[in-house]
C-alpha atoms as a PDB file:
ATOM      1  CA  UNK A   1       4.281 -18.869   2.539  1.00  0.00           C
ATOM      2  CA  UNK A   2       3.628 -16.137   0.037  1.00  0.00           C
ATOM      3  CA  UNK A   3       0.512 -15.775  -1.588  1.00  0.00           C
ATOM      4  CA  UNK A   4       0.236 -16.263  -5.573  1.00  0.00           C
ATOM      5  CA  UNK A   5      -0.885 -13.526  -7.298  1.00  0.00           C
ATOM      6  CA  UNK A   6      -4.154 -14.269  -8.625  1.00  0.00           C
ATOM      7  CA  UNK A   7      -5.155 -10.896 -10.588  1.00  0.00           C
ATOM      8  CA  UNK A   8      -4.758  -7.189 -11.286  1.00  0.00           C
ATOM      9  CA  UNK A   9      -5.734  -4.476  -9.977  1.00  0.00           C
ATOM     10  CA  UNK A  10      -6.306  -0.923 -10.989  1.00  0.00           C
ATOM     11  CA  UNK A  11      -7.110   1.754  -8.807  1.00  0.00           C
ATOM     12  CA  UNK A  12      -8.519   5.129  -8.732  1.00  0.00           C
ATOM     13  CA  UNK A  13      -6.136   7.479  -6.592  1.00  0.00           C
ATOM     14  CA  UNK A  14      -8.636  10.518  -7.333  1.00  0.00           C
ATOM     15  CA  UNK A  15      -8.316  13.460  -4.635  1.00  0.00           C
ATOM     16  CA  UNK A  16     -11.684  12.878  -3.103  1.00  0.00           C
ATOM     17  CA  UNK A  17     -12.292  10.134   0.011  1.00  0.00           C
ATOM     18  CA  UNK A  18     -13.543   7.655  -2.840  1.00  0.00           C
ATOM     19  CA  UNK A  19     -10.712   7.686  -4.836  1.00  0.00           C
ATOM     20  CA  UNK A  20      -8.985   7.017  -0.773  1.00  0.00           C
ATOM     21  CA  UNK A  21     -10.524   3.487  -0.497  1.00  0.00           C
ATOM     22  CA  UNK A  22      -9.766   2.474  -3.897  1.00  0.00           C
ATOM     23  CA  UNK A  23      -6.002   3.180  -3.588  1.00  0.00           C
ATOM     24  CA  UNK A  24      -6.131   2.154   0.296  1.00  0.00           C
ATOM     25  CA  UNK A  25      -7.914  -1.400  -0.615  1.00  0.00           C
ATOM     26  CA  UNK A  26      -5.636  -1.838  -3.941  1.00  0.00           C
ATOM     27  CA  UNK A  27      -2.711  -1.458  -1.958  1.00  0.00           C
ATOM     28  CA  UNK A  28      -3.421  -3.884   0.714  1.00  0.00           C
ATOM     29  CA  UNK A  29      -4.263  -6.765  -1.804  1.00  0.00           C
ATOM     30  CA  UNK A  30      -1.210  -6.045  -3.961  1.00  0.00           C
ATOM     31  CA  UNK A  31       0.670  -5.907  -0.374  1.00  0.00           C
ATOM     32  CA  UNK A  32      -1.012  -9.302   0.665  1.00  0.00           C
ATOM     33  CA  UNK A  33       0.333 -10.594  -2.694  1.00  0.00           C
ATOM     34  CA  UNK A  34      -2.848 -11.683  -4.233  1.00  0.00           C
ATOM     35  CA  UNK A  35      -2.941  -8.752  -6.712  1.00  0.00           C
ATOM     36  CA  UNK A  36      -0.579  -7.136  -8.834  1.00  0.00           C
ATOM     37  CA  UNK A  37      -1.386  -3.378  -8.919  1.00  0.00           C
ATOM     38  CA  UNK A  38      -0.929  -1.541 -11.867  1.00  0.00           C
ATOM     39  CA  UNK A  39       0.197   1.337 -12.343  1.00  0.00           C
ATOM     40  CA  UNK A  40      -2.837   3.823 -13.793  1.00  0.00           C
ATOM     41  CA  UNK A  41      -0.914   6.696 -15.047  1.00  0.00           C
ATOM     42  CA  UNK A  42       0.937   4.504 -17.102  1.00  0.00           C
ATOM     43  CA  UNK A  43      -2.375   3.045 -18.448  1.00  0.00           C
ATOM     44  CA  UNK A  44      -3.085   6.535 -19.926  1.00  0.00           C
ATOM     45  CA  UNK A  45       0.226   7.474 -21.403  1.00  0.00           C
ATOM     46  CA  UNK A  46      -0.224   4.591 -23.626  1.00  0.00           C
ATOM     47  CA  UNK A  47       2.613   2.665 -22.088  1.00  0.00           C
ATOM     48  CA  UNK A  48       2.226  -0.204 -24.664  1.00  0.00           C
ATOM     49  CA  UNK A  49       4.567  -2.755 -22.368  1.00  0.00           C
ATOM     50  CA  UNK A  50       1.928  -2.466 -19.369  1.00  0.00           C
ATOM     51  CA  UNK A  51      -0.876  -2.562 -21.847  1.00  0.00           C
ATOM     52  CA  UNK A  52       1.022  -5.807 -23.578  1.00  0.00           C
ATOM     53  CA  UNK A  53       1.377  -7.620 -20.128  1.00  0.00           C
ATOM     54  CA  UNK A  54      -2.180  -7.167 -19.028  1.00  0.00           C
ATOM     55  CA  UNK A  55      -3.403  -8.127 -22.158  1.00  0.00           C
ATOM     56  CA  UNK A  56      -1.379 -11.371 -22.976  1.00  0.00           C
ATOM     57  CA  UNK A  57      -1.451 -12.929 -19.371  1.00  0.00           C
ATOM     58  CA  UNK A  58      -4.653 -14.571 -18.590  1.00  0.00           C
ATOM     59  CA  UNK A  59      -5.455 -12.968 -15.497  1.00  0.00           C
ATOM     60  CA  UNK A  60      -8.828 -11.263 -13.913  1.00  0.00           C
ATOM     61  CA  UNK A  61      -8.753  -7.594 -13.595  1.00  0.00           C
ATOM     62  CA  UNK A  62      -9.916  -6.098 -10.466  1.00  0.00           C
ATOM     63  CA  UNK A  63     -10.875  -2.423 -11.427  1.00  0.00           C
ATOM     64  CA  UNK A  64     -11.721  -0.516  -8.831  1.00  0.00           C
ATOM     65  CA  UNK A  65     -13.291   3.021  -9.446  1.00  0.00           C
ATOM     66  CA  UNK A  66     -13.734   5.815  -6.825  1.00  0.00           C
ATOM     67  CA  UNK A  67     -16.600   6.837  -8.422  1.00  0.00           C
ATOM     68  CA  UNK A  68     -19.641   6.375 -11.065  1.00  0.00           C
ATOM     69  CA  UNK A  69     -17.334   8.708 -13.590  1.00  0.00           C
ATOM     70  CA  UNK A  70     -15.408   5.445 -14.057  1.00  0.00           C
ATOM     71  CA  UNK A  71     -12.045   7.072 -14.841  1.00  0.00           C
ATOM     72  CA  UNK A  72     -10.187   3.871 -14.135  1.00  0.00           C
ATOM     73  CA  UNK A  73     -12.076   1.607 -16.187  1.00  0.00           C
ATOM     74  CA  UNK A  74     -12.435   4.091 -19.045  1.00  0.00           C
ATOM     75  CA  UNK A  75      -8.937   4.288 -19.694  1.00  0.00           C
ATOM     76  CA  UNK A  76      -8.361   0.605 -19.611  1.00  0.00           C
ATOM     77  CA  UNK A  77     -11.348   0.412 -22.484  1.00  0.00           C
ATOM     78  CA  UNK A  78      -9.643   3.155 -24.091  1.00  0.00           C
ATOM     79  CA  UNK A  79      -6.140   1.097 -24.604  1.00  0.00           C
ATOM     80  CA  UNK A  80      -8.598  -2.097 -25.605  1.00  0.00           C
ATOM     81  CA  UNK A  81      -8.172  -3.834 -22.584  1.00  0.00           C
ATOM     82  CA  UNK A  82     -11.609  -5.088 -22.194  1.00  0.00           C
ATOM     83  CA  UNK A  83     -11.287  -8.939 -21.320  1.00  0.00           C
ATOM     84  CA  UNK A  84     -11.405 -10.677 -17.844  1.00  0.00           C
ATOM     85  CA  UNK A  85     -12.660  -7.384 -16.179  1.00  0.00           C
ATOM     86  CA  UNK A  86     -14.389  -7.292 -12.985  1.00  0.00           C
ATOM     87  CA  UNK A  87     -15.604  -3.903 -12.034  1.00  0.00           C
ATOM     88  CA  UNK A  88     -16.306  -2.355  -8.635  1.00  0.00           C
ATOM     89  CA  UNK A  89     -17.174   1.466  -7.357  1.00  0.00           C
ATOM     90  CA  UNK A  90     -16.570   2.122  -4.107  1.00  0.00           C
ATOM     91  CA  UNK A  91     -19.629   4.239  -3.601  1.00  0.00           C
ATOM     92  CA  UNK A  92     -21.248   1.078  -4.185  1.00  0.00           C
ATOM     93  CA  UNK A  93     -20.545   0.533  -0.679  1.00  0.00           C
ATOM     94  CA  UNK A  94     -22.125   2.912   1.194  1.00  0.00           C
ATOM     95  CA  UNK A  95     -19.049   5.619   0.878  1.00  0.00           C
ATOM     96  CA  UNK A  96     -20.438   8.940  -0.198  1.00  0.00           C
ATOM     97  CA  UNK A  97     -17.825  11.066  -2.387  1.00  0.00           C
ATOM     98  CA  UNK A  98     -16.578  14.094  -0.080  1.00  0.00           C
ATOM     99  CA  UNK A  99     -18.697  13.175   3.219  1.00  0.00           C
ATOM    100  CA  UNK A 100     -17.713   9.360   4.248  1.00  0.00           C
ATOM    101  CA  UNK A 101     -14.441   9.448   6.267  1.00  0.00           C
ATOM    102  CA  UNK A 102     -12.182   6.100   5.497  1.00  0.00           C
ATOM    103  CA  UNK A 103     -12.185   3.555   7.952  1.00  0.00           C
ATOM    104  CA  UNK A 104     -10.336   0.437   8.110  1.00  0.00           C
ATOM    105  CA  UNK A 105     -13.184  -1.499   8.667  1.00  0.00           C
ATOM    106  CA  UNK A 106     -15.249  -0.175   5.407  1.00  0.00           C
ATOM    107  CA  UNK A 107     -12.135  -1.269   3.648  1.00  0.00           C
ATOM    108  CA  UNK A 108     -11.839  -4.154   5.022  1.00  0.00           C
ATOM    109  CA  UNK A 109     -15.539  -4.837   3.470  1.00  0.00           C
ATOM    110  CA  UNK A 110     -14.247  -3.970   0.240  1.00  0.00           C
ATOM    111  CA  UNK A 111     -11.458  -6.104   0.366  1.00  0.00           C
ATOM    112  CA  UNK A 112     -13.586  -9.081   1.612  1.00  0.00           C
ATOM    113  CA  UNK A 113     -15.730  -8.578  -1.340  1.00  0.00           C
ATOM    114  CA  UNK A 114     -13.310  -8.517  -3.953  1.00  0.00           C
ATOM    115  CA  UNK A 115     -11.999 -11.765  -2.482  1.00  0.00           C
ATOM    116  CA  UNK A 116     -15.120 -13.534  -2.986  1.00  0.00           C
ATOM    117  CA  UNK A 117     -16.002 -11.963  -6.315  1.00  0.00           C
ATOM    118  CA  UNK A 118     -12.497 -13.148  -7.693  1.00  0.00           C
ATOM    119  CA  UNK A 119     -12.457 -16.632  -6.032  1.00  0.00           C
ATOM    120  CA  UNK A 120     -15.364 -17.880  -8.352  1.00  0.00           C
END
């Protein structure tokens, strides 16, 4: 039985290791069917069809940023998407930008945390 989409997920896909974590976690959750991954560049260029879809569906939006610059969150807010946001930063899991190599175990830790906060 396929999972039902429970929330949108918007992630950093930056050049650093922290962005890789955010992107990989978002892709895994999307592949599992529990999240609908949003294309962050489409938000950045102001794709109004996507912006309106996000605004009109009453779903949580998991925003997974790779570092404290919080690009994903800032881009959503710039388009007026401010409701139902659950903001998470990969560096909050002990991942050091430019230093911590990617590991499936650490990605799983982030995924489990997201599952917890979205099941409330």
